[in-house]
Amino acid sequence: MREVKFRAYYKLKDIMCSVERIDFDPFMVQVYYKDKNGKAKYKWLKYKECEVMQYTGLKDKNGVEIYEGDLYLNSYNSTSQVKLIEKDERIVSGHGSSERIILSGFLLEFVPDEIEIIGNIHAALK
């Protein structure tokens, strides 16, 4: 069974944070981050103030945890994104006969120990 954990992109501060707790009524996320001076900060954020991303349970070739929203180079040497999908299924990619396998809710086009995470969708927008 994979470890269930999350991270959150704090929109106002433009930083990625660790998720400490999630409260579903009302939906609030307690995040942990370090400020510019290295001081530890805990803050409760409303849903609209952040974007929560789930850990896939996988690590890349360097041992970096792979989260929803991470970017990696695919076998066609172009950037791909790890995406959360609603149900498990198999689909055929537009590139020849290669397949995308959706496993445990995540779209996987790679063998985790052969790829390297190069960033995330929020860092790429800068």
Protein backbone atom coordinates (compact mmCIF):
# COMPACT_ATOMS: atom_id res chain seq x y z
CA MET A 1 0.00 0.00 0.00
CA ARG A 2 1.39 3.42 -0.92
CA GLU A 3 1.89 6.27 1.50
CA VAL A 4 -0.89 8.86 1.27
CA LYS A 5 0.36 12.42 1.54
CA PHE A 6 -0.06 15.78 -0.11
CA ARG A 7 1.69 19.04 -0.89
CA ALA A 8 0.09 22.40 -1.64
CA TYR A 9 0.95 25.33 -3.85
CA TYR A 10 0.28 28.49 -1.80
CA LYS A 11 -0.88 30.92 -4.49
CA LEU A 12 -0.38 34.20 -2.62
CA LYS A 13 3.21 33.41 -1.60
CA ASP A 14 4.01 31.53 -4.85
CA ILE A 15 5.60 28.63 -2.94
CA MET A 16 5.18 24.88 -2.56
CA CYS A 17 4.34 23.75 1.00
CA SER A 18 4.05 20.53 2.94
CA VAL A 19 0.47 19.67 3.92
CA GLU A 20 0.16 18.96 7.63
CA ARG A 21 -3.63 18.55 7.91
CA ILE A 22 -6.76 18.76 5.78
CA ASP A 23 -10.13 19.75 7.23
CA PHE A 24 -13.10 18.99 4.99
CA ASP A 25 -15.81 21.09 6.67
CA PRO A 26 -15.07 23.79 5.76
CA PHE A 27 -12.34 22.75 3.36
CA MET A 28 -9.12 24.13 4.83
CA VAL A 29 -5.51 22.99 4.49
CA GLN A 30 -2.84 23.47 7.15
CA VAL A 31 0.49 23.99 5.41
CA TYR A 32 4.08 24.17 6.60
CA TYR A 33 6.75 26.26 4.91
CA LYS A 34 9.84 28.32 5.72
CA ASP A 35 9.76 32.06 5.19
CA LYS A 36 12.56 34.09 3.52
CA ASN A 37 14.47 34.12 6.81
CA GLY A 38 14.22 30.33 7.20
CA LYS A 39 11.66 30.58 10.00
CA ALA A 40 9.13 27.72 10.12
CA LYS A 41 5.55 28.81 9.46
CA TYR A 42 2.25 26.96 9.85
CA LYS A 43 -0.86 28.45 8.25
CA TRP A 44 -4.43 27.40 7.57
CA LEU A 45 -5.41 28.12 3.96
CA LYS A 46 -8.83 28.17 2.35
CA TYR A 47 -9.30 25.90 -0.67
CA LYS A 48 -9.21 28.86 -3.08
CA GLU A 49 -5.85 30.00 -1.66
CA CYS A 50 -3.97 26.85 -2.61
CA GLU A 51 -3.80 23.89 -4.96
CA VAL A 52 -3.44 20.50 -3.26
CA MET A 53 -1.44 17.79 -5.05
CA GLN A 54 -1.29 14.10 -4.12
CA TYR A 55 1.84 11.93 -3.83
CA THR A 56 1.86 9.03 -6.31
CA GLY A 57 3.78 6.67 -4.06
CA LEU A 58 6.60 6.59 -6.64
CA LYS A 59 10.10 8.08 -6.79
CA ASP A 60 12.19 9.09 -9.78
CA LYS A 61 15.69 7.79 -10.57
CA ASN A 62 17.18 10.23 -8.03
CA GLY A 63 14.81 9.22 -5.24
CA VAL A 64 12.67 12.36 -5.60
CA GLU A 65 9.02 11.80 -4.68
CA ILE A 66 6.66 12.11 -7.67
CA TYR A 67 3.52 14.21 -7.10
CA GLU A 68 0.54 15.11 -9.21
CA GLY A 69 1.53 18.20 -11.21
CA ASP A 70 5.21 17.25 -11.50
CA LEU A 71 6.95 17.63 -14.85
CA TYR A 72 9.38 15.15 -16.43
CA LEU A 73 10.97 14.50 -19.81
CA ASN A 74 9.16 11.73 -21.66
CA SER A 75 10.66 9.23 -24.12
CA TYR A 76 10.05 11.73 -26.97
CA ASN A 77 12.28 14.26 -25.14
CA SER A 78 9.36 16.57 -24.51
CA THR A 79 7.91 17.62 -21.17
CA SER A 80 5.03 15.60 -19.71
CA GLN A 81 2.98 16.14 -16.59
CA VAL A 82 1.88 13.66 -13.92
CA LYS A 83 -1.92 13.92 -13.86
CA LEU A 84 -4.61 12.58 -11.56
CA ILE A 85 -7.27 10.56 -13.41
CA GLU A 86 -10.67 9.58 -12.03
CA LYS A 87 -10.53 5.82 -12.73
CA ASP A 88 -8.03 3.12 -13.66
CA GLU A 89 -7.88 2.40 -17.38
CA ARG A 90 -5.56 1.93 -20.32
CA ILE A 91 -5.46 4.34 -23.25
CA VAL A 92 -3.36 4.38 -26.41
CA SER A 93 -1.11 7.40 -26.88
CA GLY A 94 -0.98 9.40 -30.09
CA HIS A 95 2.63 8.33 -30.65
CA GLY A 96 2.60 5.00 -32.51
CA SER A 97 1.80 2.00 -30.37
CA SER A 98 3.02 3.31 -27.01
CA GLU A 99 0.54 3.06 -24.18
CA ARG A 100 -0.24 5.25 -21.27
CA ILE A 101 -1.12 3.24 -18.21
CA ILE A 102 -3.36 4.81 -15.62
CA LEU A 103 -2.62 3.15 -12.31
CA SER A 104 -4.14 3.98 -8.95
CA GLY A 105 -5.52 7.21 -10.33
CA PHE A 106 -2.30 8.60 -11.86
CA LEU A 107 -1.42 8.88 -15.55
CA LEU A 108 1.94 7.19 -16.00
CA GLU A 109 3.88 7.31 -19.27
CA PHE A 110 7.16 6.24 -17.74
CA VAL A 111 9.09 3.75 -15.68
CA PRO A 112 9.64 5.77 -12.47
CA ASP A 113 13.26 4.72 -11.91
CA GLU A 114 14.21 5.76 -15.46
CA ILE A 115 12.90 9.35 -15.40
CA GLU A 116 13.90 12.52 -13.61
CA ILE A 117 11.50 15.10 -12.22
CA ILE A 118 12.43 18.47 -13.74
CA GLY A 119 9.94 20.68 -11.91
CA ASN A 120 6.24 21.18 -11.40
CA ILE A 121 3.48 23.02 -13.22
CA HIS A 122 3.74 26.06 -10.95
CA ALA A 123 7.51 26.47 -11.25
CA ALA A 124 7.20 26.09 -15.04
CA LEU A 125 4.75 29.02 -15.21
CA LYS A 126 7.36 31.51 -13.99
